[in-house]
Amino acid sequence: MPDWLYDCGPNGLWVFLLLTVIPGGAAAWATGRAIAGTWRPLWQVPVYGLLLAAAVRFLHFALFEEPLSAPGNFVVSAAVLLSATALGYRLERVRAMITQYDWLYAAAGRLGWRRVGEG
């Protein structure tokens, strides 16, 4: 990653993958699924995603001495975690709609549903 976008040390890419993408992404995915699984509204996805990004940034700071208040780092982490949260939310919502309301909805690809009998 370019230094102007993500301020980190010599092992920055590995630290990013091993802390933000893998466990942070898994937590974000599970968070999105939990929000959708409990039928909560979509507006809660960015709220929890940003909280996860702040927590992951703190772990970067505490464990690897990366800068805590670097805005580029937070934006990159937030983008990755918000994407994982939103994808987990959408896939869980699609699964719920086509399994709980199978008489009314059918799958329309991985990310959508349609009324039974339409297109």
Protein backbone atom coordinates (compact mmCIF):
# COMPACT_ATOMS: atom_id res chain seq x y z
CA MET A 1 0.00 0.00 0.00
CA PRO A 2 1.25 3.51 -0.66
CA ASP A 3 2.61 5.34 2.37
CA TRP A 4 0.38 8.36 1.75
CA LEU A 5 -2.72 6.16 2.06
CA TYR A 6 -1.76 3.78 4.85
CA ASP A 7 0.95 4.76 7.34
CA CYS A 8 2.61 1.61 8.71
CA GLY A 9 5.93 -0.04 9.39
CA PRO A 10 8.01 -2.41 7.26
CA ASN A 11 5.61 -5.33 7.76
CA GLY A 12 2.51 -3.19 7.21
CA LEU A 13 0.87 -5.37 4.57
CA TRP A 14 1.19 -8.52 6.69
CA VAL A 15 -0.05 -6.76 9.79
CA PHE A 16 -2.98 -5.37 7.82
CA LEU A 17 -3.90 -8.80 6.46
CA LEU A 18 -3.39 -10.64 9.75
CA LEU A 19 -5.30 -8.13 11.89
CA THR A 20 -7.75 -6.14 9.77
CA VAL A 21 -8.70 -8.50 6.97
CA ILE A 22 -8.78 -11.92 8.65
CA PRO A 23 -10.05 -11.51 12.24
CA GLY A 24 -11.51 -8.03 11.67
CA GLY A 25 -13.25 -9.18 8.50
CA ALA A 26 -14.58 -12.28 10.24
CA ALA A 27 -15.94 -10.18 13.09
CA ALA A 28 -17.51 -7.76 10.62
CA TRP A 29 -19.06 -10.63 8.65
CA ALA A 30 -20.52 -12.12 11.83
CA THR A 31 -21.78 -8.69 12.89
CA GLY A 32 -23.57 -8.18 9.59
CA ARG A 33 -25.14 -11.63 9.81
CA ALA A 34 -26.26 -10.97 13.39
CA ILE A 35 -27.85 -7.65 12.45
CA ALA A 36 -29.76 -9.24 9.58
CA GLY A 37 -30.58 -12.40 11.53
CA THR A 38 -32.33 -10.39 14.22
CA TRP A 39 -34.24 -8.35 11.59
CA ARG A 40 -32.60 -5.08 12.54
CA PRO A 41 -32.58 -2.22 9.99
CA LEU A 42 -29.81 -1.59 7.48
CA TRP A 43 -28.78 1.72 9.06
CA GLN A 44 -27.19 -0.22 11.93
CA VAL A 45 -24.60 -1.79 9.60
CA PRO A 46 -22.40 1.33 9.28
CA VAL A 47 -22.71 2.10 12.99
CA TYR A 48 -21.35 -1.29 14.03
CA GLY A 49 -18.88 -1.37 11.14
CA LEU A 50 -17.32 1.92 12.23
CA LEU A 51 -17.13 0.72 15.84
CA LEU A 52 -15.31 -2.40 14.65
CA ALA A 53 -12.94 -0.25 12.59
CA ALA A 54 -12.12 1.83 15.66
CA ALA A 55 -11.46 -1.33 17.68
CA VAL A 56 -9.21 -2.80 14.98
CA ARG A 57 -7.30 0.48 14.70
CA PHE A 58 -6.75 0.41 18.45
CA LEU A 59 -5.37 -3.13 18.17
CA HIS A 60 -2.99 -1.96 15.45
CA PHE A 61 -1.84 0.79 17.79
CA ALA A 62 -1.56 -1.37 20.90
CA LEU A 63 0.05 -4.44 19.34
CA PHE A 64 2.18 -3.05 16.50
CA GLU A 65 2.75 0.58 17.51
CA GLU A 66 1.07 1.94 14.40
CA PRO A 67 -0.24 5.52 14.62
CA LEU A 68 -3.62 5.65 16.31
CA SER A 69 -4.91 8.86 14.78
CA ALA A 70 -3.86 8.39 11.13
CA PRO A 71 -7.01 9.20 9.13
CA GLY A 72 -5.92 7.24 6.05
CA ASN A 73 -5.45 4.09 8.11
CA PHE A 74 -8.90 4.44 9.63
CA VAL A 75 -10.52 5.04 6.24
CA VAL A 76 -8.90 1.94 4.71
CA SER A 77 -9.79 -0.23 7.72
CA ALA A 78 -13.33 1.14 7.79
CA ALA A 79 -13.81 0.47 4.07
CA VAL A 80 -12.71 -3.15 4.43
CA LEU A 81 -14.80 -3.78 7.54
CA LEU A 82 -17.90 -1.94 6.29
CA SER A 83 -17.77 -3.99 3.09
CA ALA A 84 -17.59 -7.25 5.05
CA THR A 85 -20.39 -6.13 7.38
CA ALA A 86 -22.65 -5.10 4.50
CA LEU A 87 -21.99 -8.31 2.57
CA GLY A 88 -22.69 -10.47 5.61
CA TYR A 89 -25.90 -8.51 6.23
CA ARG A 90 -27.11 -8.86 2.65
CA LEU A 91 -26.36 -12.57 2.30
CA GLU A 92 -28.06 -13.36 5.62
CA ARG A 93 -31.10 -11.26 4.71
CA VAL A 94 -31.41 -13.04 1.34
CA ARG A 95 -31.12 -16.42 3.06
CA ALA A 96 -33.77 -15.48 5.60
CA MET A 97 -36.19 -14.16 2.98
CA ILE A 98 -36.00 -17.21 0.73
CA THR A 99 -36.15 -19.76 3.57
CA GLN A 100 -38.73 -18.17 5.86
CA TYR A 101 -40.93 -16.91 3.04
CA ASP A 102 -40.31 -19.62 0.46
CA TRP A 103 -43.95 -19.47 -0.63
CA LEU A 104 -43.52 -15.78 -1.53
CA TYR A 105 -39.86 -15.29 -2.54
CA ALA A 106 -37.25 -17.18 -4.54
CA ALA A 107 -33.54 -16.53 -4.94
CA ALA A 108 -32.48 -14.15 -7.69
CA GLY A 109 -28.73 -14.65 -7.60
CA ARG A 110 -26.61 -14.59 -4.46
CA LEU A 111 -27.54 -11.05 -3.42
CA GLY A 112 -31.23 -10.78 -4.18
CA TRP A 113 -34.68 -12.29 -4.16
CA ARG A 114 -37.77 -12.02 -6.32
CA ARG A 115 -41.44 -12.82 -5.92
CA VAL A 116 -42.37 -16.37 -6.85
CA GLY A 117 -43.86 -16.44 -10.32
CA GLU A 118 -42.05 -13.32 -11.57
CA GLY A 119 -39.28 -13.25 -14.18
